Amino acid sequence: MLGMSLATLTVLHVVLSLVGMLAGAVVVVGVLASRRLPVWSLVFLSTTALTSFTGFFFPVERLVPPHIVGVVSLIALAVAAVALYVYQLSGSWRLIYAIGVLLGLYLNVLIGVLQAFQKLHPLQSLAPTPAAPPHLVAQVVVLLIFVALGVVAVKSFRPEGDASISPSEAG
């Protein structure tokens, strides 16, 4: 597994995921405030992509839902990166970036919640299966938070220096 033990891969994967979630939270706050935050964006996009990438190296015998989430996340992050670095958030790429960032962060957080319920004893005893009510409530709450953030982000994201903003929008 990339020349490292399963324990090392797990630590690397978890650290990348946590850094990605932290950086993603900062980037989302930036999106909500119409700020680009280039360093935080780079950290978020790269660590979250690496989180998804390293997830494919855990030993499993078949395709499992986290693999599908990983593929969707990599696609969302790649599109967000293209919107940011190639199209400089011009025109509709601003919206595409905001959605890509939120989707990438949401998927990372969703898997984090699922893993927390599987690995942390207090949560595991509270909800031993993904179908248990506390587990489902946590998933729905995370989804609702990200949908609300997405609605606000799509309506408000106007990064500084965006030439596609009309004078009436600039205020």
C-alpha atoms as a PDB file:
ATOM      1  CA  MET A   1       0.000   0.000   0.000  1.00  0.00           C
ATOM      2  CA  LEU A   2       2.102   2.823  -1.342  1.00  0.00           C
ATOM      3  CA  GLY A   3       5.106   1.306   0.442  1.00  0.00           C
ATOM      4  CA  MET A   4       3.681   1.834   3.917  1.00  0.00           C
ATOM      5  CA  SER A   5       1.974  -0.231   6.540  1.00  0.00           C
ATOM      6  CA  LEU A   6      -1.797  -0.210   6.945  1.00  0.00           C
ATOM      7  CA  ALA A   7      -1.384   1.704  10.211  1.00  0.00           C
ATOM      8  CA  THR A   8       0.733   4.396   8.542  1.00  0.00           C
ATOM      9  CA  LEU A   9      -1.692   4.645   5.618  1.00  0.00           C
ATOM     10  CA  THR A  10      -4.570   5.025   8.077  1.00  0.00           C
ATOM     11  CA  VAL A  11      -2.830   7.815  10.000  1.00  0.00           C
ATOM     12  CA  LEU A  12      -1.913   9.610   6.768  1.00  0.00           C
ATOM     13  CA  HIS A  13      -5.473   9.251   5.450  1.00  0.00           C
ATOM     14  CA  VAL A  14      -7.022  10.561   8.691  1.00  0.00           C
ATOM     15  CA  VAL A  15      -4.600  13.499   8.965  1.00  0.00           C
ATOM     16  CA  LEU A  16      -5.239  14.474   5.326  1.00  0.00           C
ATOM     17  CA  SER A  17      -8.972  14.221   5.924  1.00  0.00           C
ATOM     18  CA  LEU A  18      -8.901  16.376   9.062  1.00  0.00           C
ATOM     19  CA  VAL A  19      -6.681  19.009   7.438  1.00  0.00           C
ATOM     20  CA  GLY A  20      -8.995  18.956   4.405  1.00  0.00           C
ATOM     21  CA  MET A  21     -12.057  19.462   6.591  1.00  0.00           C
ATOM     22  CA  LEU A  22     -10.441  22.357   8.459  1.00  0.00           C
ATOM     23  CA  ALA A  23      -9.187  24.020   5.284  1.00  0.00           C
ATOM     24  CA  GLY A  24     -12.528  23.365   3.599  1.00  0.00           C
ATOM     25  CA  ALA A  25     -14.384  25.074   6.429  1.00  0.00           C
ATOM     26  CA  VAL A  26     -12.126  28.119   5.992  1.00  0.00           C
ATOM     27  CA  VAL A  27     -12.670  28.084   2.212  1.00  0.00           C
ATOM     28  CA  VAL A  28     -16.451  27.857   2.643  1.00  0.00           C
ATOM     29  CA  VAL A  29     -16.356  30.839   5.017  1.00  0.00           C
ATOM     30  CA  GLY A  30     -14.341  32.614   2.317  1.00  0.00           C
ATOM     31  CA  VAL A  31     -16.910  31.701  -0.326  1.00  0.00           C
ATOM     32  CA  LEU A  32     -19.699  33.021   1.909  1.00  0.00           C
ATOM     33  CA  ALA A  33     -17.709  36.262   2.346  1.00  0.00           C
ATOM     34  CA  SER A  34     -16.842  36.420  -1.407  1.00  0.00           C
ATOM     35  CA  ARG A  35     -13.132  35.961  -0.758  1.00  0.00           C
ATOM     36  CA  ARG A  36     -10.874  33.672  -2.801  1.00  0.00           C
ATOM     37  CA  LEU A  37      -8.363  32.600  -0.105  1.00  0.00           C
ATOM     38  CA  PRO A  38      -5.820  31.089  -2.546  1.00  0.00           C
ATOM     39  CA  VAL A  39      -3.596  29.335   0.014  1.00  0.00           C
ATOM     40  CA  TRP A  40      -6.509  27.810   1.917  1.00  0.00           C
ATOM     41  CA  SER A  41      -8.112  26.768  -1.386  1.00  0.00           C
ATOM     42  CA  LEU A  42      -4.933  24.999  -2.460  1.00  0.00           C
ATOM     43  CA  VAL A  43      -4.636  23.239   0.892  1.00  0.00           C
ATOM     44  CA  PHE A  44      -8.291  22.205   0.804  1.00  0.00           C
ATOM     45  CA  LEU A  45      -8.316  20.973  -2.778  1.00  0.00           C
ATOM     46  CA  SER A  46      -5.034  19.063  -2.478  1.00  0.00           C
ATOM     47  CA  THR A  47      -5.579  17.449   0.938  1.00  0.00           C
ATOM     48  CA  THR A  48      -9.165  16.493   0.192  1.00  0.00           C
ATOM     49  CA  ALA A  49      -8.172  15.003  -3.166  1.00  0.00           C
ATOM     50  CA  LEU A  50      -5.348  13.097  -1.457  1.00  0.00           C
ATOM     51  CA  THR A  51      -7.838  11.885   1.167  1.00  0.00           C
ATOM     52  CA  SER A  52     -10.033  10.434  -1.568  1.00  0.00           C
ATOM     53  CA  PHE A  53      -7.021   9.036  -3.414  1.00  0.00           C
ATOM     54  CA  THR A  54      -5.524   7.298  -0.361  1.00  0.00           C
ATOM     55  CA  GLY A  55      -8.931   5.802   0.435  1.00  0.00           C
ATOM     56  CA  PHE A  56      -8.580   3.536  -2.590  1.00  0.00           C
ATOM     57  CA  PHE A  57      -5.533   1.815  -1.075  1.00  0.00           C
ATOM     58  CA  PHE A  58      -7.289   0.259   1.902  1.00  0.00           C
ATOM     59  CA  PRO A  59      -7.698  -3.480   1.482  1.00  0.00           C
ATOM     60  CA  VAL A  60     -11.225  -4.458   0.452  1.00  0.00           C
ATOM     61  CA  GLU A  61     -12.490  -7.325  -1.634  1.00  0.00           C
ATOM     62  CA  ARG A  62     -15.162  -5.429  -3.530  1.00  0.00           C
ATOM     63  CA  LEU A  63     -16.349  -1.973  -4.493  1.00  0.00           C
ATOM     64  CA  VAL A  64     -17.861  -0.286  -1.431  1.00  0.00           C
ATOM     65  CA  PRO A  65     -19.820   2.986  -1.071  1.00  0.00           C
ATOM     66  CA  PRO A  66     -16.794   5.001   0.144  1.00  0.00           C
ATOM     67  CA  HIS A  67     -15.117   4.215  -3.203  1.00  0.00           C
ATOM     68  CA  ILE A  68     -18.049   5.756  -5.048  1.00  0.00           C
ATOM     69  CA  VAL A  69     -17.962   8.758  -2.721  1.00  0.00           C
ATOM     70  CA  GLY A  70     -14.223   9.026  -3.407  1.00  0.00           C
ATOM     71  CA  VAL A  71     -14.740   9.076  -7.173  1.00  0.00           C
ATOM     72  CA  VAL A  72     -17.503  11.687  -6.922  1.00  0.00           C
ATOM     73  CA  SER A  73     -15.333  13.759  -4.588  1.00  0.00           C
ATOM     74  CA  LEU A  74     -12.345  13.621  -6.949  1.00  0.00           C
ATOM     75  CA  ILE A  75     -14.546  14.747  -9.839  1.00  0.00           C
ATOM     76  CA  ALA A  76     -16.037  17.624  -7.810  1.00  0.00           C
ATOM     77  CA  LEU A  77     -12.597  18.730  -6.620  1.00  0.00           C
ATOM     78  CA  ALA A  78     -11.126  18.533 -10.132  1.00  0.00           C
ATOM     79  CA  VAL A  79     -13.953  20.646 -11.532  1.00  0.00           C
ATOM     80  CA  ALA A  80     -13.555  23.160  -8.668  1.00  0.00           C
ATOM     81  CA  ALA A  81      -9.814  23.332  -9.379  1.00  0.00           C
ATOM     82  CA  VAL A  82     -10.455  23.960 -13.081  1.00  0.00           C
ATOM     83  CA  ALA A  83     -12.973  26.683 -12.175  1.00  0.00           C
ATOM     84  CA  LEU A  84     -10.448  28.344  -9.867  1.00  0.00           C
ATOM     85  CA  TYR A  85      -7.134  27.882 -11.649  1.00  0.00           C
ATOM     86  CA  VAL A  86      -8.088  27.725 -15.332  1.00  0.00           C
ATOM     87  CA  TYR A  87     -11.174  29.917 -15.550  1.00  0.00           C
ATOM     88  CA  GLN A  88     -10.311  32.207 -12.608  1.00  0.00           C
ATOM     89  CA  LEU A  89     -13.920  32.015 -11.321  1.00  0.00           C
ATOM     90  CA  SER A  90     -15.184  33.988 -14.301  1.00  0.00           C
ATOM     91  CA  GLY A  91     -18.857  33.912 -15.148  1.00  0.00           C
ATOM     92  CA  SER A  92     -20.606  30.640 -14.370  1.00  0.00           C
ATOM     93  CA  TRP A  93     -17.312  29.134 -13.154  1.00  0.00           C
ATOM     94  CA  ARG A  94     -17.867  31.062  -9.918  1.00  0.00           C
ATOM     95  CA  LEU A  95     -21.018  29.024  -9.258  1.00  0.00           C
ATOM     96  CA  ILE A  96     -19.316  25.797 -10.356  1.00  0.00           C
ATOM     97  CA  TYR A  97     -16.441  26.452  -7.949  1.00  0.00           C
ATOM     98  CA  ALA A  98     -18.772  27.144  -5.017  1.00  0.00           C
ATOM     99  CA  ILE A  99     -20.734  23.952  -5.673  1.00  0.00           C
ATOM    100  CA  GLY A 100     -17.566  21.887  -6.174  1.00  0.00           C
ATOM    101  CA  VAL A 101     -16.023  23.132  -2.934  1.00  0.00           C
ATOM    102  CA  LEU A 102     -19.191  22.489  -0.953  1.00  0.00           C
ATOM    103  CA  LEU A 103     -19.684  19.041  -2.478  1.00  0.00           C
ATOM    104  CA  GLY A 104     -16.050  18.055  -1.853  1.00  0.00           C
ATOM    105  CA  LEU A 105     -16.219  19.212   1.755  1.00  0.00           C
ATOM    106  CA  TYR A 106     -19.639  17.638   2.312  1.00  0.00           C
ATOM    107  CA  LEU A 107     -18.462  14.244   1.077  1.00  0.00           C
ATOM    108  CA  ASN A 108     -15.346  14.420   3.270  1.00  0.00           C
ATOM    109  CA  VAL A 109     -17.454  15.349   6.304  1.00  0.00           C
ATOM    110  CA  LEU A 110     -20.049  12.667   5.487  1.00  0.00           C
ATOM    111  CA  ILE A 111     -17.398   9.947   5.404  1.00  0.00           C
ATOM    112  CA  GLY A 112     -15.915  11.442   8.594  1.00  0.00           C
ATOM    113  CA  VAL A 113     -19.287  11.101  10.325  1.00  0.00           C
ATOM    114  CA  LEU A 114     -19.685   7.526   9.078  1.00  0.00           C
ATOM    115  CA  GLN A 115     -16.177   6.654  10.273  1.00  0.00           C
ATOM    116  CA  ALA A 116     -16.768   8.311  13.639  1.00  0.00           C
ATOM    117  CA  PHE A 117     -19.838   6.129  14.203  1.00  0.00           C
ATOM    118  CA  GLN A 118     -17.841   3.038  13.204  1.00  0.00           C
ATOM    119  CA  LYS A 119     -14.623   3.745  15.111  1.00  0.00           C
ATOM    120  CA  LEU A 120     -15.497   5.782  18.213  1.00  0.00           C
ATOM    121  CA  HIS A 121     -16.911   3.562  20.949  1.00  0.00           C
ATOM    122  CA  PRO A 122     -19.421   6.060  22.418  1.00  0.00           C
ATOM    123  CA  LEU A 123     -20.945   6.694  18.984  1.00  0.00           C
ATOM    124  CA  GLN A 124     -20.723   3.028  18.024  1.00  0.00           C
ATOM    125  CA  SER A 125     -22.687   1.998  21.113  1.00  0.00           C
ATOM    126  CA  LEU A 126     -25.231   4.763  20.447  1.00  0.00           C
ATOM    127  CA  ALA A 127     -25.736   3.683  16.828  1.00  0.00           C
ATOM    128  CA  PRO A 128     -24.208   0.286  15.993  1.00  0.00           C
ATOM    129  CA  THR A 129     -25.389   0.332  12.347  1.00  0.00           C
ATOM    130  CA  PRO A 130     -25.682   3.069   9.703  1.00  0.00           C
ATOM    131  CA  ALA A 131     -29.473   2.538   9.779  1.00  0.00           C
ATOM    132  CA  ALA A 132     -29.748   3.335  13.514  1.00  0.00           C
ATOM    133  CA  PRO A 133     -31.708   6.548  14.183  1.00  0.00           C
ATOM    134  CA  PRO A 134     -28.835   8.570  15.752  1.00  0.00           C
ATOM    135  CA  HIS A 135     -26.650   7.719  12.762  1.00  0.00           C
ATOM    136  CA  LEU A 136     -29.369   8.732  10.293  1.00  0.00           C
ATOM    137  CA  VAL A 137     -30.095  11.937  12.208  1.00  0.00           C
ATOM    138  CA  ALA A 138     -26.398  12.882  12.074  1.00  0.00           C
ATOM    139  CA  GLN A 139     -26.306  12.250   8.315  1.00  0.00           C
ATOM    140  CA  VAL A 140     -29.462  14.297   7.709  1.00  0.00           C
ATOM    141  CA  VAL A 141     -28.204  17.177   9.871  1.00  0.00           C
ATOM    142  CA  VAL A 142     -24.911  17.270   7.944  1.00  0.00           C
ATOM    143  CA  LEU A 143     -26.804  17.204   4.645  1.00  0.00           C
ATOM    144  CA  LEU A 144     -29.153  20.019   5.705  1.00  0.00           C
ATOM    145  CA  ILE A 145     -26.247  22.169   6.877  1.00  0.00           C
ATOM    146  CA  PHE A 146     -24.481  21.762   3.539  1.00  0.00           C
ATOM    147  CA  VAL A 147     -27.640  22.385   1.518  1.00  0.00           C
ATOM    148  CA  ALA A 148     -28.217  25.618   3.473  1.00  0.00           C
ATOM    149  CA  LEU A 149     -24.579  26.641   3.000  1.00  0.00           C
ATOM    150  CA  GLY A 150     -24.858  25.816  -0.690  1.00  0.00           C
ATOM    151  CA  VAL A 151     -27.932  27.979  -1.165  1.00  0.00           C
ATOM    152  CA  VAL A 152     -26.267  30.920   0.574  1.00  0.00           C
ATOM    153  CA  ALA A 153     -22.971  30.396  -1.264  1.00  0.00           C
ATOM    154  CA  VAL A 154     -24.581  30.206  -4.689  1.00  0.00           C
ATOM    155  CA  LYS A 155     -26.513  33.419  -4.019  1.00  0.00           C
ATOM    156  CA  SER A 156     -23.683  35.394  -2.452  1.00  0.00           C
ATOM    157  CA  PHE A 157     -20.313  34.300  -3.885  1.00  0.00           C
ATOM    158  CA  ARG A 158     -18.848  37.254  -5.761  1.00  0.00           C
ATOM    159  CA  PRO A 159     -15.063  37.088  -5.346  1.00  0.00           C
ATOM    160  CA  GLU A 160     -13.133  40.339  -5.289  1.00  0.00           C
ATOM    161  CA  GLY A 161     -11.809  41.398  -8.652  1.00  0.00           C
ATOM    162  CA  ASP A 162     -14.520  39.459 -10.524  1.00  0.00           C
ATOM    163  CA  ALA A 163     -14.984  41.353 -13.791  1.00  0.00           C
ATOM    164  CA  SER A 164     -18.242  39.525 -14.457  1.00  0.00           C
ATOM    165  CA  ILE A 165     -20.030  41.453 -11.683  1.00  0.00           C
ATOM    166  CA  SER A 166     -22.189  44.192 -13.098  1.00  0.00           C
ATOM    167  CA  PRO A 167     -22.068  47.674 -11.529  1.00  0.00           C
ATOM    168  CA  SER A 168     -25.569  47.181 -10.101  1.00  0.00           C
ATOM    169  CA  GLU A 169     -24.402  43.971  -8.355  1.00  0.00           C
ATOM    170  CA  ALA A 170     -21.334  45.698  -6.965  1.00  0.00           C
ATOM    171  CA  GLY A 171     -23.621  47.908  -5.015  1.00  0.00           C
END
